[in-house]
Amino acid sequence: MKKYILIAALTLSTGFAMAQAMAKDGVMMKDDKVMMMKDGKTMPMDKDMMMSDGSKVMMDGTVMKKDGSKMMMKNGDSMDMSGMMMMKK
């Protein structure tokens, strides 16, 4: 029984660590500039980026979705590489 609990705990912690690592890659609007996050490092974005869902993030913070809709990122907004937007409240 202890083995199963240990295996379950290791599996969950590994999945959690992977999710955290993946969440570090993407873009974020900070101080009215689009910043690129890669492997835990943040740097100014130097070219437009295409996300895996087909969304395109421009250097000025404009996001063009695959369906053609357009939005502007605000300070605190971020998007991961899959195109999932996390908006500041």
N, C-alpha and C. Protein backbone atom coordinates (compact mmCIF):
# COMPACT_ATOMS: atom_id res chain seq x y z
N MET A 1 0.82 -1.19 0.00
CA MET A 1 0.00 0.00 0.00
C MET A 1 0.87 1.26 0.00
N LYS A 2 1.94 1.23 0.79
CA LYS A 2 2.82 2.39 0.86
C LYS A 2 3.47 2.67 -0.50
N LYS A 3 3.76 1.59 -1.25
CA LYS A 3 4.36 1.75 -2.57
C LYS A 3 3.42 2.52 -3.50
N TYR A 4 2.14 2.17 -3.45
CA TYR A 4 1.17 2.82 -4.32
C TYR A 4 1.01 4.30 -3.97
N ILE A 5 1.03 4.61 -2.70
CA ILE A 5 0.93 6.02 -2.28
C ILE A 5 2.16 6.79 -2.73
N LEU A 6 3.34 6.17 -2.57
CA LEU A 6 4.58 6.81 -3.00
C LEU A 6 4.59 7.04 -4.51
N ILE A 7 4.16 6.04 -5.27
CA ILE A 7 4.12 6.17 -6.73
C ILE A 7 3.14 7.28 -7.14
N ALA A 8 1.99 7.32 -6.50
CA ALA A 8 0.99 8.35 -6.81
C ALA A 8 1.54 9.73 -6.49
N ALA A 9 2.20 9.87 -5.35
CA ALA A 9 2.76 11.17 -4.95
C ALA A 9 3.84 11.62 -5.93
N LEU A 10 4.70 10.70 -6.35
CA LEU A 10 5.75 11.04 -7.31
C LEU A 10 5.17 11.43 -8.66
N THR A 11 4.16 10.72 -9.10
CA THR A 11 3.52 11.02 -10.37
C THR A 11 2.89 12.41 -10.34
N LEU A 12 2.17 12.72 -9.27
CA LEU A 12 1.53 14.03 -9.16
C LEU A 12 2.55 15.15 -9.07
N SER A 13 3.62 14.95 -8.31
CA SER A 13 4.61 16.01 -8.17
C SER A 13 5.36 16.23 -9.48
N THR A 14 5.62 15.16 -10.22
CA THR A 14 6.29 15.30 -11.52
C THR A 14 5.40 16.06 -12.49
N GLY A 15 4.11 15.73 -12.52
CA GLY A 15 3.17 16.44 -13.39
C GLY A 15 3.05 17.90 -13.02
N PHE A 16 3.05 18.20 -11.73
CA PHE A 16 2.98 19.58 -11.27
C PHE A 16 4.22 20.35 -11.68
N ALA A 17 5.39 19.75 -11.54
CA ALA A 17 6.64 20.41 -11.93
C ALA A 17 6.66 20.68 -13.43
N MET A 18 6.17 19.75 -14.22
CA MET A 18 6.12 19.94 -15.68
C MET A 18 5.17 21.08 -16.03
N ALA A 19 4.04 21.14 -15.35
CA ALA A 19 3.07 22.21 -15.62
C ALA A 19 3.67 23.57 -15.28
N GLN A 20 4.42 23.65 -14.17
CA GLN A 20 5.05 24.91 -13.81
C GLN A 20 6.09 25.32 -14.85
N ALA A 21 6.88 24.37 -15.32
CA ALA A 21 7.91 24.67 -16.31
C ALA A 21 7.27 25.16 -17.61
N MET A 22 6.18 24.53 -18.02
CA MET A 22 5.51 24.93 -19.25
C MET A 22 4.90 26.32 -19.11
N ALA A 23 4.41 26.65 -17.92
CA ALA A 23 3.78 27.94 -17.71
C ALA A 23 4.78 29.09 -17.81
N LYS A 24 6.05 28.80 -17.72
CA LYS A 24 7.07 29.84 -17.78
C LYS A 24 7.33 30.31 -19.21
N ASP A 25 6.95 29.54 -20.21
CA ASP A 25 7.19 29.91 -21.60
C ASP A 25 5.96 30.61 -22.16
N GLY A 26 6.17 31.77 -22.75
CA GLY A 26 5.08 32.51 -23.34
C GLY A 26 5.44 33.98 -23.45
N VAL A 27 4.42 34.83 -23.43
CA VAL A 27 4.63 36.28 -23.50
C VAL A 27 3.83 36.96 -22.40
N MET A 28 4.28 38.16 -22.03
CA MET A 28 3.62 38.91 -20.97
C MET A 28 3.78 40.39 -21.27
N MET A 29 2.73 41.16 -21.01
CA MET A 29 2.80 42.62 -21.17
C MET A 29 3.23 43.21 -19.82
N LYS A 30 4.35 43.90 -19.84
CA LYS A 30 4.88 44.50 -18.61
C LYS A 30 5.41 45.90 -18.94
N ASP A 31 4.94 46.89 -18.21
CA ASP A 31 5.34 48.28 -18.43
C ASP A 31 5.15 48.70 -19.89
N ASP A 32 4.02 48.31 -20.46
CA ASP A 32 3.64 48.63 -21.84
C ASP A 32 4.60 48.07 -22.88
N LYS A 33 5.33 47.00 -22.53
CA LYS A 33 6.21 46.30 -23.46
C LYS A 33 5.90 44.82 -23.41
N VAL A 34 5.96 44.16 -24.55
CA VAL A 34 5.73 42.72 -24.60
C VAL A 34 7.05 42.03 -24.28
N MET A 35 7.01 41.20 -23.26
CA MET A 35 8.19 40.46 -22.82
C MET A 35 8.00 38.98 -23.16
N MET A 36 9.07 38.33 -23.58
CA MET A 36 9.05 36.91 -23.88
C MET A 36 9.63 36.17 -22.68
N MET A 37 8.95 35.10 -22.27
CA MET A 37 9.42 34.27 -21.16
C MET A 37 9.82 32.92 -21.73
N LYS A 38 11.06 32.53 -21.49
CA LYS A 38 11.59 31.27 -22.01
C LYS A 38 12.47 30.64 -20.94
N ASP A 39 12.15 29.43 -20.52
CA ASP A 39 12.93 28.70 -19.52
C ASP A 39 13.16 29.53 -18.26
N GLY A 40 12.15 30.27 -17.83
CA GLY A 40 12.26 31.05 -16.61
C GLY A 40 12.95 32.39 -16.76
N LYS A 41 13.40 32.72 -17.97
CA LYS A 41 14.07 34.00 -18.21
C LYS A 41 13.12 34.91 -18.97
N THR A 42 13.16 36.19 -18.64
CA THR A 42 12.31 37.18 -19.30
C THR A 42 13.18 38.15 -20.08
N MET A 43 12.79 38.39 -21.33
CA MET A 43 13.53 39.32 -22.18
C MET A 43 12.54 40.03 -23.10
N PRO A 44 12.91 41.21 -23.60
CA PRO A 44 12.01 41.91 -24.54
C PRO A 44 11.77 41.05 -25.78
N MET A 45 10.55 41.07 -26.27
CA MET A 45 10.22 40.32 -27.48
C MET A 45 10.79 41.08 -28.67
N ASP A 46 11.53 40.39 -29.54
CA ASP A 46 12.18 41.06 -30.66
C ASP A 46 11.54 40.77 -32.01
N LYS A 47 10.52 39.90 -32.03
CA LYS A 47 9.78 39.64 -33.27
C LYS A 47 8.42 39.05 -32.91
N ASP A 48 7.47 39.13 -33.84
CA ASP A 48 6.15 38.57 -33.62
C ASP A 48 6.27 37.07 -33.35
N MET A 49 5.35 36.55 -32.53
CA MET A 49 5.38 35.12 -32.18
C MET A 49 4.08 34.44 -32.56
N MET A 50 4.19 33.22 -33.07
CA MET A 50 3.04 32.40 -33.40
C MET A 50 2.89 31.34 -32.30
N MET A 51 1.71 31.25 -31.72
CA MET A 51 1.44 30.26 -30.69
C MET A 51 0.92 28.98 -31.34
N SER A 52 0.92 27.89 -30.59
CA SER A 52 0.57 26.60 -31.18
C SER A 52 -0.89 26.51 -31.63
N ASP A 53 -1.78 27.37 -31.08
CA ASP A 53 -3.18 27.35 -31.51
C ASP A 53 -3.44 28.22 -32.73
N GLY A 54 -2.39 28.84 -33.26
CA GLY A 54 -2.54 29.70 -34.43
C GLY A 54 -2.65 31.18 -34.10
N SER A 55 -2.69 31.53 -32.82
CA SER A 55 -2.71 32.94 -32.43
C SER A 55 -1.36 33.56 -32.71
N LYS A 56 -1.38 34.84 -33.09
CA LYS A 56 -0.14 35.56 -33.35
C LYS A 56 -0.08 36.76 -32.41
N VAL A 57 1.04 36.89 -31.71
CA VAL A 57 1.26 38.01 -30.80
C VAL A 57 2.27 38.94 -31.46
N MET A 58 1.85 40.19 -31.67
CA MET A 58 2.72 41.18 -32.29
C MET A 58 3.54 41.91 -31.24
N MET A 59 4.59 42.55 -31.68
CA MET A 59 5.50 43.23 -30.76
C MET A 59 4.85 44.39 -30.01
N ASP A 60 3.75 44.93 -30.52
CA ASP A 60 3.06 46.02 -29.84
C ASP A 60 1.99 45.52 -28.86
N GLY A 61 1.85 44.19 -28.72
CA GLY A 61 0.87 43.62 -27.79
C GLY A 61 -0.45 43.25 -28.42
N THR A 62 -0.59 43.45 -29.71
CA THR A 62 -1.80 43.04 -30.42
C THR A 62 -1.79 41.52 -30.56
N VAL A 63 -2.93 40.90 -30.26
CA VAL A 63 -3.08 39.45 -30.42
C VAL A 63 -4.12 39.21 -31.50
N MET A 64 -3.72 38.49 -32.53
CA MET A 64 -4.63 38.11 -33.60
C MET A 64 -4.91 36.62 -33.45
N LYS A 65 -6.16 36.30 -33.13
CA LYS A 65 -6.56 34.91 -32.96
C LYS A 65 -6.76 34.25 -34.32
N LYS A 66 -6.73 32.93 -34.30
CA LYS A 66 -6.89 32.17 -35.54
C LYS A 66 -8.22 32.46 -36.22
N ASP A 67 -9.26 32.76 -35.41
CA ASP A 67 -10.59 33.04 -35.98
C ASP A 67 -10.70 34.46 -36.54
N GLY A 68 -9.60 35.24 -36.45
CA GLY A 68 -9.60 36.59 -37.00
C GLY A 68 -9.90 37.68 -35.98
N SER A 69 -10.34 37.29 -34.78
CA SER A 69 -10.60 38.31 -33.76
C SER A 69 -9.27 38.90 -33.28
N LYS A 70 -9.35 40.14 -32.82
CA LYS A 70 -8.16 40.87 -32.45
C LYS A 70 -8.35 41.49 -31.08
N MET A 71 -7.31 41.51 -30.28
CA MET A 71 -7.38 42.15 -28.97
C MET A 71 -6.02 42.76 -28.65
N MET A 72 -5.99 43.63 -27.68
CA MET A 72 -4.75 44.27 -27.25
C MET A 72 -4.44 43.83 -25.83
N MET A 73 -3.23 43.33 -25.61
CA MET A 73 -2.82 42.94 -24.26
C MET A 73 -2.63 44.18 -23.40
N LYS A 74 -2.97 44.05 -22.11
CA LYS A 74 -2.78 45.12 -21.14
C LYS A 74 -1.71 44.69 -20.16
N ASN A 75 -1.12 45.64 -19.44
CA ASN A 75 -0.12 45.31 -18.44
C ASN A 75 -0.64 44.24 -17.48
N GLY A 76 0.15 43.20 -17.28
CA GLY A 76 -0.23 42.09 -16.41
C GLY A 76 -0.82 40.91 -17.16
N ASP A 77 -1.27 41.11 -18.40
CA ASP A 77 -1.80 40.00 -19.20
C ASP A 77 -0.63 39.13 -19.67
N SER A 78 -0.90 37.83 -19.79
CA SER A 78 0.12 36.93 -20.32
C SER A 78 -0.55 35.84 -21.15
N MET A 79 0.24 35.20 -22.00
CA MET A 79 -0.25 34.12 -22.86
C MET A 79 0.82 33.05 -22.90
N ASP A 80 0.40 31.80 -22.69
CA ASP A 80 1.37 30.71 -22.80
C ASP A 80 1.50 30.30 -24.26
N MET A 81 2.43 29.41 -24.53
CA MET A 81 2.73 29.03 -25.91
C MET A 81 1.58 28.28 -26.59
N SER A 82 0.62 27.79 -25.82
CA SER A 82 -0.54 27.12 -26.42
C SER A 82 -1.61 28.12 -26.84
N GLY A 83 -1.43 29.40 -26.48
CA GLY A 83 -2.42 30.41 -26.83
C GLY A 83 -3.40 30.70 -25.71
N MET A 84 -3.19 30.12 -24.54
CA MET A 84 -4.09 30.35 -23.40
C MET A 84 -3.76 31.69 -22.78
N MET A 85 -4.75 32.60 -22.79
CA MET A 85 -4.56 33.95 -22.27
C MET A 85 -4.94 33.99 -20.80
N MET A 86 -4.08 34.61 -20.00
CA MET A 86 -4.36 34.86 -18.59
C MET A 86 -4.40 36.37 -18.43
N MET A 87 -5.59 36.89 -18.19
CA MET A 87 -5.76 38.35 -18.13
C MET A 87 -5.74 38.81 -16.69
N LYS A 88 -5.10 39.94 -16.48
CA LYS A 88 -5.05 40.55 -15.16
C LYS A 88 -6.44 41.07 -14.82
N LYS A 89 -6.85 40.87 -13.59
CA LYS A 89 -8.18 41.34 -13.18
C LYS A 89 -8.16 42.78 -12.79
